[in-house]
Amino acid sequence: MSRYLKNAYPFGLFGGILALIGFWVFHLVGLDPITMSIVFNLINLTLFIGLAIYYFKKYHNQSYLSFAQGMTVGFFSYAIIATVAFIGIYVSFALVPDLFAALKAGRIEMLETRSEGLMEEVGEKAYLRTMEEVQNMKMYHFALNDFIWKIIFGLFLSIIISIILRRNKL
C-alpha cells in the first residue's frame, strides 16, 4: 500500500495546491470561486490522476497496470487533492472572513432574485427551507461541498483512466 501512496503523494499535493491557487485566482478576477472551481476541478483532477496512474505504471510497475492498482493510485491522488483543497479553502475563509460572507451573500441574493421561479419549480416550502439553510451556512460548508465534488469526480475519473491505462501481465 505504501508504494501506491508514495507514488500518488506528489501528484495529489501539487494538484491540491493548484486547486487552491485556482480558487484564489477565480476570486481575484471577480468570478465565483466555488462555481468556477467545479469546472477547473475536472481538468485538474483529470491531469493529476492521469499523471499519477501513468507514472506508477511506467516507472514503478514495469509498464503493467491492473485495474485495482490504477484505482488505488487514483484514490490516493484525488483524496490528497480534495483534502489539501478542503484545508486550504477552510483556512482561507478563516483568515479572510469577508470572502465567506461575500460568497454566502451571493447565494442568498441568487435565491432572492430567482424566488418566483424557484417556488414554482420546487414549491414554497422547499424554497423557504433552502433559504434558511443558506442563511445558516458555516465556513466549512463551502469547503466540504468542494471536497465532496472532488471525491465524486475523482472516483469517476479514476475508473475511466484505470480502464484506459490498464495493461495486465500475460
C-alpha atoms as a PDB file:
ATOM      1  CA  MET A   1       0.000   0.000   0.000  1.00  0.00           C
ATOM      2  CA  SER A   2       2.815   2.406   0.761  1.00  0.00           C
ATOM      3  CA  ARG A   3       4.185   2.256  -2.785  1.00  0.00           C
ATOM      4  CA  TYR A   4       0.820   3.435  -4.137  1.00  0.00           C
ATOM      5  CA  LEU A   5       0.640   6.272  -1.631  1.00  0.00           C
ATOM      6  CA  LYS A   6       4.283   7.199  -2.205  1.00  0.00           C
ATOM      7  CA  ASN A   7       3.626   7.471  -5.944  1.00  0.00           C
ATOM      8  CA  ALA A   8       0.342   9.410  -5.583  1.00  0.00           C
ATOM      9  CA  TYR A   9       1.523  11.825  -2.886  1.00  0.00           C
ATOM     10  CA  PRO A  10       3.456  14.360  -5.024  1.00  0.00           C
ATOM     11  CA  PHE A  11       0.742  14.439  -7.699  1.00  0.00           C
ATOM     12  CA  GLY A  12      -2.000  14.819  -5.103  1.00  0.00           C
ATOM     13  CA  LEU A  13      -0.146  17.511  -3.208  1.00  0.00           C
ATOM     14  CA  PHE A  14       0.620  19.539  -6.311  1.00  0.00           C
ATOM     15  CA  GLY A  15      -2.936  19.061  -7.619  1.00  0.00           C
ATOM     16  CA  GLY A  16      -4.379  20.251  -4.301  1.00  0.00           C
ATOM     17  CA  ILE A  17      -2.147  23.316  -4.272  1.00  0.00           C
ATOM     18  CA  LEU A  18      -3.125  24.074  -7.873  1.00  0.00           C
ATOM     19  CA  ALA A  19      -6.818  23.721  -6.929  1.00  0.00           C
ATOM     20  CA  LEU A  20      -6.319  26.222  -4.121  1.00  0.00           C
ATOM     21  CA  ILE A  21      -4.470  28.618  -6.433  1.00  0.00           C
ATOM     22  CA  GLY A  22      -7.346  28.298  -8.905  1.00  0.00           C
ATOM     23  CA  PHE A  23      -9.837  29.109  -6.140  1.00  0.00           C
ATOM     24  CA  TRP A  24      -7.972  32.318  -5.312  1.00  0.00           C
ATOM     25  CA  VAL A  25      -7.437  33.309  -8.948  1.00  0.00           C
ATOM     26  CA  PHE A  26     -11.170  32.984  -9.646  1.00  0.00           C
ATOM     27  CA  HIS A  27     -11.899  35.123  -6.600  1.00  0.00           C
ATOM     28  CA  LEU A  28      -9.348  37.775  -7.532  1.00  0.00           C
ATOM     29  CA  VAL A  29     -10.676  38.151 -11.092  1.00  0.00           C
ATOM     30  CA  GLY A  30     -14.217  38.562  -9.785  1.00  0.00           C
ATOM     31  CA  LEU A  31     -15.666  35.144 -10.615  1.00  0.00           C
ATOM     32  CA  ASP A  32     -17.474  32.925  -8.132  1.00  0.00           C
ATOM     33  CA  PRO A  33     -14.622  30.694  -6.912  1.00  0.00           C
ATOM     34  CA  ILE A  34     -16.925  27.889  -5.790  1.00  0.00           C
ATOM     35  CA  THR A  35     -18.827  27.560  -9.065  1.00  0.00           C
ATOM     36  CA  MET A  36     -15.770  28.052 -11.260  1.00  0.00           C
ATOM     37  CA  SER A  37     -13.785  25.548  -9.201  1.00  0.00           C
ATOM     38  CA  ILE A  38     -16.138  22.780 -10.285  1.00  0.00           C
ATOM     39  CA  VAL A  39     -15.146  23.217 -13.940  1.00  0.00           C
ATOM     40  CA  PHE A  40     -11.483  23.728 -13.057  1.00  0.00           C
ATOM     41  CA  ASN A  41     -11.533  20.603 -10.857  1.00  0.00           C
ATOM     42  CA  LEU A  42     -12.489  18.391 -13.777  1.00  0.00           C
ATOM     43  CA  ILE A  43      -9.380  19.481 -15.654  1.00  0.00           C
ATOM     44  CA  ASN A  44      -7.130  19.494 -12.587  1.00  0.00           C
ATOM     45  CA  LEU A  45      -8.257  16.068 -11.375  1.00  0.00           C
ATOM     46  CA  THR A  46      -8.034  14.512 -14.831  1.00  0.00           C
ATOM     47  CA  LEU A  47      -4.490  15.790 -15.244  1.00  0.00           C
ATOM     48  CA  PHE A  48      -3.102  14.757 -11.861  1.00  0.00           C
ATOM     49  CA  ILE A  49      -4.930  11.451 -11.501  1.00  0.00           C
ATOM     50  CA  GLY A  50      -3.868  10.543 -15.036  1.00  0.00           C
ATOM     51  CA  LEU A  51      -0.265  11.538 -14.405  1.00  0.00           C
ATOM     52  CA  ALA A  52      -0.126   9.639 -11.108  1.00  0.00           C
ATOM     53  CA  ILE A  53      -1.513   6.449 -12.627  1.00  0.00           C
ATOM     54  CA  TYR A  54       0.658   6.723 -15.742  1.00  0.00           C
ATOM     55  CA  TYR A  55       3.775   7.449 -13.689  1.00  0.00           C
ATOM     56  CA  PHE A  56       3.068   4.465 -11.434  1.00  0.00           C
ATOM     57  CA  LYS A  57       2.532   2.197 -14.426  1.00  0.00           C
ATOM     58  CA  LYS A  58       5.567   3.396 -16.367  1.00  0.00           C
ATOM     59  CA  TYR A  59       8.180   3.817 -13.628  1.00  0.00           C
ATOM     60  CA  HIS A  60       7.119   1.671 -10.681  1.00  0.00           C
ATOM     61  CA  ASN A  61       5.349  -1.319 -12.206  1.00  0.00           C
ATOM     62  CA  GLN A  62       7.336  -2.317 -15.313  1.00  0.00           C
ATOM     63  CA  SER A  63       4.698  -0.818 -17.703  1.00  0.00           C
ATOM     64  CA  TYR A  64       1.911  -3.030 -16.358  1.00  0.00           C
ATOM     65  CA  LEU A  65      -1.179  -1.840 -14.559  1.00  0.00           C
ATOM     66  CA  SER A  66      -4.145  -3.739 -13.224  1.00  0.00           C
ATOM     67  CA  PHE A  67      -7.471  -2.024 -12.749  1.00  0.00           C
ATOM     68  CA  ALA A  68      -7.129  -2.339  -8.949  1.00  0.00           C
ATOM     69  CA  GLN A  69      -3.669  -0.763  -8.979  1.00  0.00           C
ATOM     70  CA  GLY A  70      -4.924   2.136 -11.082  1.00  0.00           C
ATOM     71  CA  MET A  71      -7.896   2.649  -8.779  1.00  0.00           C
ATOM     72  CA  THR A  72      -5.667   2.596  -5.700  1.00  0.00           C
ATOM     73  CA  VAL A  73      -3.230   5.169  -7.073  1.00  0.00           C
ATOM     74  CA  GLY A  74      -6.165   7.221  -8.330  1.00  0.00           C
ATOM     75  CA  PHE A  75      -7.895   7.077  -4.940  1.00  0.00           C
ATOM     76  CA  PHE A  76      -4.825   8.320  -3.106  1.00  0.00           C
ATOM     77  CA  SER A  77      -4.341  11.078  -5.676  1.00  0.00           C
ATOM     78  CA  TYR A  78      -7.848  12.503  -5.562  1.00  0.00           C
ATOM     79  CA  ALA A  79      -8.143  12.033  -1.804  1.00  0.00           C
ATOM     80  CA  ILE A  80      -4.967  14.080  -1.272  1.00  0.00           C
ATOM     81  CA  ILE A  81      -6.101  16.743  -3.771  1.00  0.00           C
ATOM     82  CA  ALA A  82      -9.505  17.013  -2.072  1.00  0.00           C
ATOM     83  CA  THR A  83      -8.016  17.136   1.426  1.00  0.00           C
ATOM     84  CA  VAL A  84      -5.423  19.786   0.598  1.00  0.00           C
ATOM     85  CA  ALA A  85      -8.067  21.928  -1.133  1.00  0.00           C
ATOM     86  CA  PHE A  86     -10.530  21.459   1.760  1.00  0.00           C
ATOM     87  CA  ILE A  87      -7.987  22.581   4.332  1.00  0.00           C
ATOM     88  CA  GLY A  88      -6.819  25.456   2.129  1.00  0.00           C
ATOM     89  CA  ILE A  89     -10.321  26.769   1.455  1.00  0.00           C
ATOM     90  CA  TYR A  90     -11.336  26.465   5.094  1.00  0.00           C
ATOM     91  CA  VAL A  91      -8.195  28.278   6.264  1.00  0.00           C
ATOM     92  CA  SER A  92      -8.779  30.928   3.581  1.00  0.00           C
ATOM     93  CA  PHE A  93     -12.258  31.568   4.948  1.00  0.00           C
ATOM     94  CA  ALA A  94     -10.907  31.707   8.495  1.00  0.00           C
ATOM     95  CA  LEU A  95      -8.208  34.210   7.516  1.00  0.00           C
ATOM     96  CA  VAL A  96     -10.440  36.254   5.172  1.00  0.00           C
ATOM     97  CA  PRO A  97     -13.955  36.130   6.658  1.00  0.00           C
ATOM     98  CA  ASP A  98     -15.151  38.742   4.147  1.00  0.00           C
ATOM     99  CA  LEU A  99     -14.661  36.182   1.380  1.00  0.00           C
ATOM    100  CA  PHE A 100     -17.002  33.732   3.103  1.00  0.00           C
ATOM    101  CA  ALA A 101     -19.516  36.497   3.811  1.00  0.00           C
ATOM    102  CA  ALA A 102     -19.463  37.601   0.158  1.00  0.00           C
ATOM    103  CA  LEU A 103     -19.987  34.069  -1.138  1.00  0.00           C
ATOM    104  CA  LYS A 104     -22.830  33.478   1.297  1.00  0.00           C
ATOM    105  CA  ALA A 105     -24.430  36.821   0.397  1.00  0.00           C
ATOM    106  CA  GLY A 106     -24.159  35.916  -3.282  1.00  0.00           C
ATOM    107  CA  ARG A 107     -26.036  32.665  -2.701  1.00  0.00           C
ATOM    108  CA  ILE A 108     -28.756  34.477  -0.741  1.00  0.00           C
ATOM    109  CA  GLU A 109     -29.061  37.147  -3.438  1.00  0.00           C
ATOM    110  CA  MET A 110     -29.359  34.489  -6.146  1.00  0.00           C
ATOM    111  CA  LEU A 111     -32.143  32.758  -4.205  1.00  0.00           C
ATOM    112  CA  GLU A 112     -33.969  36.052  -3.697  1.00  0.00           C
ATOM    113  CA  THR A 113     -33.752  37.148  -7.343  1.00  0.00           C
ATOM    114  CA  ARG A 114     -34.950  33.757  -8.604  1.00  0.00           C
ATOM    115  CA  SER A 115     -37.512  33.257  -5.829  1.00  0.00           C
ATOM    116  CA  GLU A 116     -40.640  33.159  -8.006  1.00  0.00           C
ATOM    117  CA  GLY A 117     -39.212  30.680 -10.488  1.00  0.00           C
ATOM    118  CA  LEU A 118     -37.738  28.511  -7.762  1.00  0.00           C
ATOM    119  CA  MET A 119     -41.005  28.461  -5.810  1.00  0.00           C
ATOM    120  CA  GLU A 120     -42.818  27.282  -8.942  1.00  0.00           C
ATOM    121  CA  GLU A 121     -40.223  24.567  -9.572  1.00  0.00           C
ATOM    122  CA  VAL A 122     -39.719  23.153  -6.081  1.00  0.00           C
ATOM    123  CA  GLY A 123     -42.572  24.641  -4.060  1.00  0.00           C
ATOM    124  CA  GLU A 124     -42.647  27.371  -1.472  1.00  0.00           C
ATOM    125  CA  LYS A 125     -41.855  25.086   1.454  1.00  0.00           C
ATOM    126  CA  ALA A 126     -38.682  23.700  -0.173  1.00  0.00           C
ATOM    127  CA  TYR A 127     -37.618  27.195  -1.253  1.00  0.00           C
ATOM    128  CA  LEU A 128     -38.009  28.592   2.274  1.00  0.00           C
ATOM    129  CA  ARG A 129     -36.122  25.632   3.753  1.00  0.00           C
ATOM    130  CA  THR A 130     -33.292  26.156   1.236  1.00  0.00           C
ATOM    131  CA  MET A 131     -33.162  29.875   2.043  1.00  0.00           C
ATOM    132  CA  GLU A 132     -32.959  29.095   5.752  1.00  0.00           C
ATOM    133  CA  GLU A 133     -30.189  26.563   5.202  1.00  0.00           C
ATOM    134  CA  VAL A 134     -28.176  29.033   3.129  1.00  0.00           C
ATOM    135  CA  GLN A 135     -28.602  31.723   5.781  1.00  0.00           C
ATOM    136  CA  ASN A 136     -27.336  29.280   8.421  1.00  0.00           C
ATOM    137  CA  MET A 137     -24.292  28.131   6.407  1.00  0.00           C
ATOM    138  CA  LYS A 138     -20.961  27.909   8.168  1.00  0.00           C
ATOM    139  CA  MET A 139     -17.482  28.296   6.697  1.00  0.00           C
ATOM    140  CA  TYR A 140     -16.884  24.589   6.402  1.00  0.00           C
ATOM    141  CA  HIS A 141     -19.967  24.039   4.205  1.00  0.00           C
ATOM    142  CA  PHE A 142     -18.354  25.578   1.115  1.00  0.00           C
ATOM    143  CA  ALA A 143     -15.100  23.715   1.730  1.00  0.00           C
ATOM    144  CA  LEU A 144     -16.968  20.455   2.361  1.00  0.00           C
ATOM    145  CA  ASN A 145     -19.001  20.893  -0.831  1.00  0.00           C
ATOM    146  CA  ASP A 146     -15.781  21.356  -2.801  1.00  0.00           C
ATOM    147  CA  PHE A 147     -14.288  18.278  -1.093  1.00  0.00           C
ATOM    148  CA  ILE A 148     -17.299  16.116  -1.975  1.00  0.00           C
ATOM    149  CA  TRP A 149     -17.277  17.202  -5.633  1.00  0.00           C
ATOM    150  CA  LYS A 150     -13.577  16.383  -5.892  1.00  0.00           C
ATOM    151  CA  ILE A 151     -14.173  12.919  -4.420  1.00  0.00           C
ATOM    152  CA  ILE A 152     -17.067  12.216  -6.812  1.00  0.00           C
ATOM    153  CA  PHE A 153     -15.193  13.484  -9.879  1.00  0.00           C
ATOM    154  CA  GLY A 154     -12.022  11.718  -8.745  1.00  0.00           C
ATOM    155  CA  LEU A 155     -13.735   8.353  -8.398  1.00  0.00           C
ATOM    156  CA  PHE A 156     -15.328   8.661 -11.822  1.00  0.00           C
ATOM    157  CA  LEU A 157     -12.082   9.785 -13.463  1.00  0.00           C
ATOM    158  CA  SER A 158     -10.017   7.072 -11.718  1.00  0.00           C
ATOM    159  CA  ILE A 159     -12.305   4.409 -13.140  1.00  0.00           C
ATOM    160  CA  ILE A 160     -12.006   5.762 -16.678  1.00  0.00           C
ATOM    161  CA  ILE A 161      -8.252   6.383 -16.538  1.00  0.00           C
ATOM    162  CA  SER A 162      -7.576   2.978 -14.936  1.00  0.00           C
ATOM    163  CA  ILE A 163      -9.506   1.247 -17.710  1.00  0.00           C
ATOM    164  CA  ILE A 164      -7.715   3.221 -20.428  1.00  0.00           C
ATOM    165  CA  LEU A 165      -4.206   2.643 -18.990  1.00  0.00           C
ATOM    166  CA  ARG A 166      -4.785  -0.947 -17.854  1.00  0.00           C
ATOM    167  CA  ARG A 167      -2.299  -3.467 -19.170  1.00  0.00           C
ATOM    168  CA  ASN A 168      -2.142  -6.809 -17.428  1.00  0.00           C
ATOM    169  CA  LYS A 169       0.729  -9.234 -17.466  1.00  0.00           C
ATOM    170  CA  LEU A 170       0.264 -12.168 -19.811  1.00  0.00           C
END
